[in-house]
Every structure is written in structure tokens, then in C-alpha cells.
PDB file of N, CA and C in Angstrom:
ATOM      1  N   MET A   1       2.761 108.739  62.467  1.00  0.00           N
ATOM      2  CA  MET A   1       4.119 108.541  62.892  1.00  0.00           C
ATOM      3  C   MET A   1       5.181 108.557  61.840  1.00  0.00           C
ATOM      4  N   ALA A   2       6.288 109.161  62.293  1.00  0.00           N
ATOM      5  CA  ALA A   2       7.403 109.422  61.575  1.00  0.00           C
ATOM      6  C   ALA A   2       8.148 108.636  61.135  1.00  0.00           C
ATOM      7  N   LYS A   3       8.041 109.490  59.741  1.00  0.00           N
ATOM      8  CA  LYS A   3       9.149 108.291  58.666  1.00  0.00           C
ATOM      9  C   LYS A   3      10.562 107.429  59.179  1.00  0.00           C
ATOM     10  N   GLN A   4      10.883 106.247  58.971  1.00  0.00           N
ATOM     11  CA  GLN A   4      12.832 106.032  59.313  1.00  0.00           C
ATOM     12  C   GLN A   4      13.094 106.459  58.240  1.00  0.00           C
ATOM     13  N   GLU A   5      14.268 106.782  57.907  1.00  0.00           N
ATOM     14  CA  GLU A   5      14.936 107.065  57.217  1.00  0.00           C
ATOM     15  C   GLU A   5      16.195 105.616  57.208  1.00  0.00           C
ATOM     16  N   SER A   6      16.280 105.114  55.868  1.00  0.00           N
ATOM     17  CA  SER A   6      17.428 104.018  56.031  1.00  0.00           C
ATOM     18  C   SER A   6      18.793 104.035  56.551  1.00  0.00           C
ATOM     19  N   ALA A   7      19.461 103.134  56.544  1.00  0.00           N
ATOM     20  CA  ALA A   7      21.015 102.739  57.329  1.00  0.00           C
ATOM     21  C   ALA A   7      21.674 103.781  56.119  1.00  0.00           C
ATOM     22  N   TRP A   8      22.079 103.319  55.299  1.00  0.00           N
ATOM     23  CA  TRP A   8      22.555 104.252  54.208  1.00  0.00           C
ATOM     24  C   TRP A   8      22.336 105.728  53.755  1.00  0.00           C
ATOM     25  N   LYS A   9      21.070 106.448  54.796  1.00  0.00           N
ATOM     26  CA  LYS A   9      20.498 107.838  54.602  1.00  0.00           C
ATOM     27  C   LYS A   9      21.425 108.448  55.397  1.00  0.00           C
ATOM     28  N   GLN A  10      21.246 107.666  56.692  1.00  0.00           N
ATOM     29  CA  GLN A  10      21.833 108.484  58.036  1.00  0.00           C
ATOM     30  C   GLN A  10      23.196 108.539  57.952  1.00  0.00           C
ATOM     31  N   MET A  11      23.753 106.813  57.699  1.00  0.00           N
ATOM     32  CA  MET A  11      25.040 107.155  57.280  1.00  0.00           C
ATOM     33  C   MET A  11      25.695 108.505  56.500  1.00  0.00           C
ATOM     34  N   ILE A  12      25.117 108.922  55.210  1.00  0.00           N
ATOM     35  CA  ILE A  12      25.385 109.624  54.339  1.00  0.00           C
ATOM     36  C   ILE A  12      24.965 110.812  55.713  1.00  0.00           C
ATOM     37  N   HIS A  13      24.244 111.426  56.005  1.00  0.00           N
ATOM     38  CA  HIS A  13      23.719 112.670  56.952  1.00  0.00           C
ATOM     39  C   HIS A  13      25.025 112.537  57.717  1.00  0.00           C
ATOM     40  N   PHE A  14      25.414 111.173  58.388  1.00  0.00           N
ATOM     41  CA  PHE A  14      25.793 111.620  59.606  1.00  0.00           C
ATOM     42  C   PHE A  14      27.725 112.141  58.531  1.00  0.00           C
ATOM     43  N   TYR A  15      28.008 111.378  57.482  1.00  0.00           N
ATOM     44  CA  TYR A  15      29.313 111.753  57.390  1.00  0.00           C
ATOM     45  C   TYR A  15      29.250 112.890  56.678  1.00  0.00           C
ATOM     46  N   ARG A  16      28.096 113.797  56.205  1.00  0.00           N
ATOM     47  CA  ARG A  16      28.250 114.315  55.408  1.00  0.00           C
ATOM     48  C   ARG A  16      28.228 115.948  56.554  1.00  0.00           C
ATOM     49  N   HIS A  17      27.845 115.020  57.962  1.00  0.00           N
ATOM     50  CA  HIS A  17      28.095 116.726  58.989  1.00  0.00           C
ATOM     51  C   HIS A  17      30.104 116.645  59.996  1.00  0.00           C
ATOM     52  N   ASP A  18      30.326 115.749  59.231  1.00  0.00           N
ATOM     53  CA  ASP A  18      31.285 115.135  60.003  1.00  0.00           C
ATOM     54  C   ASP A  18      32.082 115.529  58.968  1.00  0.00           C
ATOM     55  N   TYR A  19      32.261 115.945  57.832  1.00  0.00           N
ATOM     56  CA  TYR A  19      33.099 116.385  56.568  1.00  0.00           C
ATOM     57  C   TYR A  19      33.049 117.603  56.863  1.00  0.00           C
ATOM     58  N   GLU A  20      31.483 118.476  57.378  1.00  0.00           N
ATOM     59  CA  GLU A  20      31.523 120.436  56.398  1.00  0.00           C
ATOM     60  C   GLU A  20      32.022 120.451  57.733  1.00  0.00           C
ATOM     61  N   GLU A  21      31.688 119.645  59.674  1.00  0.00           N
ATOM     62  CA  GLU A  21      32.987 120.525  60.623  1.00  0.00           C
ATOM     63  C   GLU A  21      34.365 120.419  60.251  1.00  0.00           C
ATOM     64  N   GLN A  22      34.835 118.829  59.685  1.00  0.00           N
ATOM     65  CA  GLN A  22      36.066 119.209  59.872  1.00  0.00           C
ATOM     66  C   GLN A  22      36.771 120.324  58.800  1.00  0.00           C
ATOM     67  N   HIS A  23      35.733 120.781  57.374  1.00  0.00           N
ATOM     68  CA  HIS A  23      36.485 121.562  56.468  1.00  0.00           C
ATOM     69  C   HIS A  23      36.060 123.792  56.972  1.00  0.00           C
ATOM     70  N   ALA A  24      34.721 122.898  58.243  1.00  0.00           N
ATOM     71  CA  ALA A  24      34.385 124.901  58.278  1.00  0.00           C
ATOM     72  C   ALA A  24      35.725 125.673  58.243  1.00  0.00           C
ATOM     73  N   PRO A  25      35.022 127.006  58.100  1.00  0.00           N
ATOM     74  CA  PRO A  25      36.334 127.216  57.748  1.00  0.00           C
ATOM     75  C   PRO A  25      37.170 128.115  59.282  1.00  0.00           C
ATOM     76  N   MET A  26      38.716 128.845  59.685  1.00  0.00           N
ATOM     77  CA  MET A  26      39.013 129.170  60.754  1.00  0.00           C
ATOM     78  C   MET A  26      38.975 130.507  60.467  1.00  0.00           C
ATOM     79  N   LEU A  27      38.741 131.450  61.878  1.00  0.00           N
ATOM     80  CA  LEU A  27      39.170 132.680  61.168  1.00  0.00           C
ATOM     81  C   LEU A  27      40.236 132.886  62.050  1.00  0.00           C
ATOM     82  N   TYR A  28      40.775 133.649  61.484  1.00  0.00           N
ATOM     83  CA  TYR A  28      42.138 134.900  62.404  1.00  0.00           C
ATOM     84  C   TYR A  28      41.730 135.781  61.910  1.00  0.00           C
ATOM     85  N   GLY A  29      41.392 136.364  62.827  1.00  0.00           N
ATOM     86  CA  GLY A  29      41.331 138.345  62.889  1.00  0.00           C
ATOM     87  C   GLY A  29      39.783 138.868  61.557  1.00  0.00           C
ATOM     88  N   ASP A  30      40.875 139.394  60.397  1.00  0.00           N
ATOM     89  CA  ASP A  30      39.943 139.505  58.972  1.00  0.00           C
ATOM     90  C   ASP A  30      40.147 138.536  58.107  1.00  0.00           C
ATOM     91  N   VAL A  31      40.747 137.006  58.471  1.00  0.00           N
ATOM     92  CA  VAL A  31      40.990 136.536  57.630  1.00  0.00           C
ATOM     93  C   VAL A  31      40.995 135.160  57.860  1.00  0.00           C
ATOM     94  N   TRP A  32      40.068 134.106  56.886  1.00  0.00           N
ATOM     95  CA  TRP A  32      39.153 133.539  57.006  1.00  0.00           C
ATOM     96  C   TRP A  32      40.417 132.266  56.065  1.00  0.00           C
ATOM     97  N   LEU A  33      40.621 130.827  56.719  1.00  0.00           N
ATOM     98  CA  LEU A  33      41.218 130.082  55.951  1.00  0.00           C
ATOM     99  C   LEU A  33      40.458 128.326  56.053  1.00  0.00           C
ATOM    100  N   LYS A  34      40.672 127.887  54.744  1.00  0.00           N
ATOM    101  CA  LYS A  34      39.481 126.497  54.842  1.00  0.00           C
ATOM    102  C   LYS A  34      40.383 125.573  54.133  1.00  0.00           C
ATOM    103  N   THR A  35      40.299 124.304  54.831  1.00  0.00           N
ATOM    104  CA  THR A  35      41.289 123.582  54.444  1.00  0.00           C
ATOM    105  C   THR A  35      40.152 122.909  53.140  1.00  0.00           C
ATOM    106  N   LYS A  36      40.470 122.625  51.545  1.00  0.00           N
ATOM    107  CA  LYS A  36      40.551 121.265  51.512  1.00  0.00           C
ATOM    108  C   LYS A  36      41.210 119.728  51.370  1.00  0.00           C
ATOM    109  N   SER A  37      41.843 120.491  51.546  1.00  0.00           N
ATOM    110  CA  SER A  37      42.815 118.918  51.184  1.00  0.00           C
ATOM    111  C   SER A  37      44.413 119.433  51.688  1.00  0.00           C
ATOM    112  N   HIS A  38      44.665 118.312  51.764  1.00  0.00           N
ATOM    113  CA  HIS A  38      46.306 118.520  52.374  1.00  0.00           C
ATOM    114  C   HIS A  38      47.373 119.305  52.225  1.00  0.00           C
ATOM    115  N   GLN A  39      46.754 119.737  50.337  1.00  0.00           N
ATOM    116  CA  GLN A  39      48.107 120.145  49.520  1.00  0.00           C
ATOM    117  C   GLN A  39      47.433 121.868  49.288  1.00  0.00           C
ATOM    118  N   ARG A  40      46.088 121.846  49.714  1.00  0.00           N
ATOM    119  CA  ARG A  40      44.948 122.972  49.228  1.00  0.00           C
ATOM    120  C   ARG A  40      44.342 123.946  50.687  1.00  0.00           C
ATOM    121  N   LEU A  41      44.429 125.616  49.854  1.00  0.00           N
ATOM    122  CA  LEU A  41      44.095 126.183  51.808  1.00  0.00           C
ATOM    123  C   LEU A  41      42.926 126.731  50.947  1.00  0.00           C
ATOM    124  N   ILE A  42      42.150 127.481  50.944  1.00  0.00           N
ATOM    125  CA  ILE A  42      41.067 128.827  50.946  1.00  0.00           C
ATOM    126  C   ILE A  42      41.762 129.681  51.585  1.00  0.00           C
ATOM    127  N   LEU A  43      42.318 130.626  51.076  1.00  0.00           N
ATOM    128  CA  LEU A  43      41.732 131.988  51.780  1.00  0.00           C
ATOM    129  C   LEU A  43      41.309 132.697  51.697  1.00  0.00           C
ATOM    130  N   GLY A  44      40.420 134.277  52.830  1.00  0.00           N
ATOM    131  CA  GLY A  44      40.161 134.589  52.548  1.00  0.00           C
ATOM    132  C   GLY A  44      39.672 135.877  53.036  1.00  0.00           C
ATOM    133  N   LEU A  45      39.493 137.127  52.733  1.00  0.00           N
ATOM    134  CA  LEU A  45      39.289 138.077  53.759  1.00  0.00           C
ATOM    135  C   LEU A  45      36.990 138.271  54.315  1.00  0.00           C
ATOM    136  N   SER A  46      37.502 139.103  55.737  1.00  0.00           N
ATOM    137  CA  SER A  46      35.953 138.479  55.915  1.00  0.00           C
ATOM    138  C   SER A  46      35.219 140.194  55.498  1.00  0.00           C
ATOM    139  N   ASP A  47      34.122 140.611  55.442  1.00  0.00           N
ATOM    140  CA  ASP A  47      33.158 141.809  54.528  1.00  0.00           C
ATOM    141  C   ASP A  47      34.812 143.472  56.078  1.00  0.00           C
ATOM    142  N   GLN A  48      34.725 142.894  56.544  1.00  0.00           N
ATOM    143  CA  GLN A  48      35.405 144.289  57.829  1.00  0.00           C
ATOM    144  C   GLN A  48      36.883 144.260  56.813  1.00  0.00           C
ATOM    145  N   GLY A  49      37.011 143.141  56.888  1.00  0.00           N
ATOM    146  CA  GLY A  49      38.533 142.500  56.236  1.00  0.00           C
ATOM    147  C   GLY A  49      39.282 143.985  54.744  1.00  0.00           C
ATOM    148  N   ARG A  50      37.929 143.707  54.008  1.00  0.00           N
ATOM    149  CA  ARG A  50      37.813 144.122  52.824  1.00  0.00           C
ATOM    150  C   ARG A  50      37.496 145.755  52.393  1.00  0.00           C
ATOM    151  N   GLN A  51      37.137 145.914  54.110  1.00  0.00           N
ATOM    152  CA  GLN A  51      36.985 147.526  53.113  1.00  0.00           C
ATOM    153  C   GLN A  51      37.980 148.591  52.771  1.00  0.00           C
ATOM    154  N   PRO A  52      39.087 147.904  53.527  1.00  0.00           N
ATOM    155  CA  PRO A  52      39.771 149.428  53.668  1.00  0.00           C
ATOM    156  C   PRO A  52      40.377 149.515  51.979  1.00  0.00           C
ATOM    157  N   TYR A  53      40.003 148.460  51.214  1.00  0.00           N
ATOM    158  CA  TYR A  53      40.981 148.274  49.886  1.00  0.00           C
ATOM    159  C   TYR A  53      39.584 148.586  49.241  1.00  0.00           C
ATOM    160  N   THR A  54      40.276 148.891  47.997  1.00  0.00           N
ATOM    161  CA  THR A  54      39.161 148.986  46.914  1.00  0.00           C
ATOM    162  C   THR A  54      39.849 148.158  45.140  1.00  0.00           C
ATOM    163  N   THR A  55      40.419 148.124  45.731  1.00  0.00           N
ATOM    164  CA  THR A  55      40.834 146.869  44.832  1.00  0.00           C
ATOM    165  C   THR A  55      42.488 145.968  45.220  1.00  0.00           C
ATOM    166  N   VAL A  56      42.995 144.953  44.664  1.00  0.00           N
ATOM    167  CA  VAL A  56      43.536 144.069  44.543  1.00  0.00           C
ATOM    168  C   VAL A  56      44.404 143.886  43.044  1.00  0.00           C
ATOM    169  N   SER A  57      45.905 144.226  43.040  1.00  0.00           N
ATOM    170  CA  SER A  57      46.044 144.128  42.041  1.00  0.00           C
ATOM    171  C   SER A  57      47.129 143.448  41.795  1.00  0.00           C
ATOM    172  N   GLN A  58      47.821 142.275  42.577  1.00  0.00           N
ATOM    173  CA  GLN A  58      48.119 141.382  43.115  1.00  0.00           C
ATOM    174  C   GLN A  58      48.648 140.576  44.375  1.00  0.00           C
ATOM    175  N   VAL A  59      48.052 139.407  44.116  1.00  0.00           N
ATOM    176  CA  VAL A  59      48.513 138.412  45.363  1.00  0.00           C
ATOM    177  C   VAL A  59      49.825 137.658  45.589  1.00  0.00           C
ATOM    178  N   THR A  60      51.091 138.240  46.584  1.00  0.00           N
ATOM    179  CA  THR A  60      52.335 137.065  46.272  1.00  0.00           C
ATOM    180  C   THR A  60      52.032 135.913  47.245  1.00  0.00           C
ATOM    181  N   LEU A  61      51.627 134.913  47.019  1.00  0.00           N
ATOM    182  CA  LEU A  61      52.230 133.481  47.728  1.00  0.00           C
ATOM    183  C   LEU A  61      53.308 132.846  47.831  1.00  0.00           C
ATOM    184  N   PRO A  62      53.870 132.245  49.036  1.00  0.00           N
ATOM    185  CA  PRO A  62      54.871 131.509  49.487  1.00  0.00           C
ATOM    186  C   PRO A  62      55.205 130.538  47.716  1.00  0.00           C
ATOM    187  N   THR A  63      56.187 130.014  47.650  1.00  0.00           N
ATOM    188  CA  THR A  63      56.125 128.604  46.484  1.00  0.00           C
ATOM    189  C   THR A  63      56.246 127.510  47.174  1.00  0.00           C
ATOM    190  N   ILE A  64      55.397 126.959  46.177  1.00  0.00           N
ATOM    191  CA  ILE A  64      54.858 125.337  46.598  1.00  0.00           C
ATOM    192  C   ILE A  64      55.943 124.430  47.262  1.00  0.00           C
ATOM    193  N   GLY A  65      55.894 123.737  48.590  1.00  0.00           N
ATOM    194  CA  GLY A  65      56.743 123.589  48.548  1.00  0.00           C
ATOM    195  C   GLY A  65      57.616 123.965  49.820  1.00  0.00           C
ATOM    196  N   SER A  66      57.554 125.067  49.910  1.00  0.00           N
ATOM    197  CA  SER A  66      58.207 125.643  51.002  1.00  0.00           C
ATOM    198  C   SER A  66      57.426 125.387  52.602  1.00  0.00           C
ATOM    199  N   HIS A  67      58.179 126.129  53.414  1.00  0.00           N
ATOM    200  CA  HIS A  67      57.925 125.474  55.055  1.00  0.00           C
ATOM    201  C   HIS A  67      57.470 127.095  55.467  1.00  0.00           C
ATOM    202  N   LEU A  68      56.115 127.045  55.868  1.00  0.00           N
ATOM    203  CA  LEU A  68      56.316 128.235  57.200  1.00  0.00           C
ATOM    204  C   LEU A  68      56.262 128.190  58.826  1.00  0.00           C
ATOM    205  N   ASN A  69      56.946 129.410  59.362  1.00  0.00           N
ATOM    206  CA  ASN A  69      56.815 128.658  60.328  1.00  0.00           C
ATOM    207  C   ASN A  69      56.094 129.736  61.093  1.00  0.00           C
ATOM    208  N   SER A  70      55.769 129.365  62.538  1.00  0.00           N
ATOM    209  CA  SER A  70      54.428 130.882  63.101  1.00  0.00           C
ATOM    210  C   SER A  70      55.816 132.281  62.929  1.00  0.00           C
ATOM    211  N   GLY A  71      54.184 132.886  62.149  1.00  0.00           N
ATOM    212  CA  GLY A  71      55.041 134.375  63.037  1.00  0.00           C
ATOM    213  C   GLY A  71      55.098 135.270  61.018  1.00  0.00           C
ATOM    214  N   ASP A  72      55.304 133.711  60.120  1.00  0.00           N
ATOM    215  CA  ASP A  72      56.062 134.182  58.766  1.00  0.00           C
ATOM    216  C   ASP A  72      54.663 135.158  58.295  1.00  0.00           C
ATOM    217  N   VAL A  73      55.664 135.467  57.224  1.00  0.00           N
ATOM    218  CA  VAL A  73      54.371 136.018  55.740  1.00  0.00           C
ATOM    219  C   VAL A  73      53.467 135.033  54.804  1.00  0.00           C
ATOM    220  N   LEU A  74      52.595 134.966  55.554  1.00  0.00           N
ATOM    221  CA  LEU A  74      51.439 133.919  54.486  1.00  0.00           C
ATOM    222  C   LEU A  74      51.569 135.070  53.297  1.00  0.00           C
ATOM    223  N   VAL A  75      50.836 135.129  53.256  1.00  0.00           N
ATOM    224  CA  VAL A  75      50.606 136.168  51.900  1.00  0.00           C
ATOM    225  C   VAL A  75      50.529 137.320  51.959  1.00  0.00           C
ATOM    226  N   THR A  76      50.684 138.173  50.133  1.00  0.00           N
ATOM    227  CA  THR A  76      51.653 139.935  50.681  1.00  0.00           C
ATOM    228  C   THR A  76      49.965 140.439  49.557  1.00  0.00           C
ATOM    229  N   LEU A  77      49.012 141.212  49.834  1.00  0.00           N
ATOM    230  CA  LEU A  77      48.483 141.777  48.565  1.00  0.00           C
ATOM    231  C   LEU A  77      49.576 143.509  48.033  1.00  0.00           C
ATOM    232  N   LEU A  78      48.716 143.404  46.789  1.00  0.00           N
ATOM    233  CA  LEU A  78      49.277 145.040  46.627  1.00  0.00           C
ATOM    234  C   LEU A  78      47.701 145.811  46.341  1.00  0.00           C
ATOM    235  N   THR A  79      47.842 146.239  46.852  1.00  0.00           N
ATOM    236  CA  THR A  79      46.576 147.399  46.336  1.00  0.00           C
ATOM    237  C   THR A  79      46.922 148.341  45.903  1.00  0.00           C
ATOM    238  N   ASP A  80      45.620 149.394  45.340  1.00  0.00           N
ATOM    239  CA  ASP A  80      45.797 150.974  44.867  1.00  0.00           C
ATOM    240  C   ASP A  80      46.544 151.568  46.431  1.00  0.00           C
ATOM    241  N   GLN A  81      46.487 151.733  47.077  1.00  0.00           N
ATOM    242  CA  GLN A  81      47.075 152.064  48.518  1.00  0.00           C
ATOM    243  C   GLN A  81      48.490 151.356  48.834  1.00  0.00           C
ATOM    244  N   GLY A  82      49.326 150.572  48.333  1.00  0.00           N
ATOM    245  CA  GLY A  82      50.588 149.582  48.582  1.00  0.00           C
ATOM    246  C   GLY A  82      50.065 148.444  49.248  1.00  0.00           C
ATOM    247  N   PRO A  83      51.498 148.653  49.018  1.00  0.00           N
ATOM    248  CA  PRO A  83      50.970 147.051  49.938  1.00  0.00           C
ATOM    249  C   PRO A  83      50.638 146.696  51.368  1.00  0.00           C
TER     250      PRO A  83
END
């Protein structure tokens, strides 16, 4: 006979799955973006996107509170090969 989970455990599993689904990384080519909160994002490069770069020496991001439109530059990487 299968063991029944308590209502509390069922609720925790439901909301954990819902949270993970809402905060799953979004892929844009070789860049992934993960939302942490309304004001915090995490950006990353896929393995394929990192291959051309051996060393990243500088990362330039927009200032806090700035508004970006579609097509605006979000991040600039300065590498040993240049920007």
C-alpha cells in the first residue's frame, strides 16, 4: 500500500515545482537569463557561447534604474580578443 503524504508536504511540493517553473532560466541564443526578483537578474553564457573567450577582463552593465528598449545593448564583455 502506498504511503500517503500529508497535505502540508503536498502543498510544499506543489509550490516548489511552481517556483522552479517560474524561475527557470530563459535561453536567448548563447545567453541565458534567470529572474531572481523584480529587480535582480542573473545572466550567463552557455558552454558554446564561452568557447571563443579565454579571459573576460571587464563587464559593463546598464546603470541601476535605466530603461532598456528592445535591441538595446544589455551587457558588454571586454575580453583578451577585444569587445
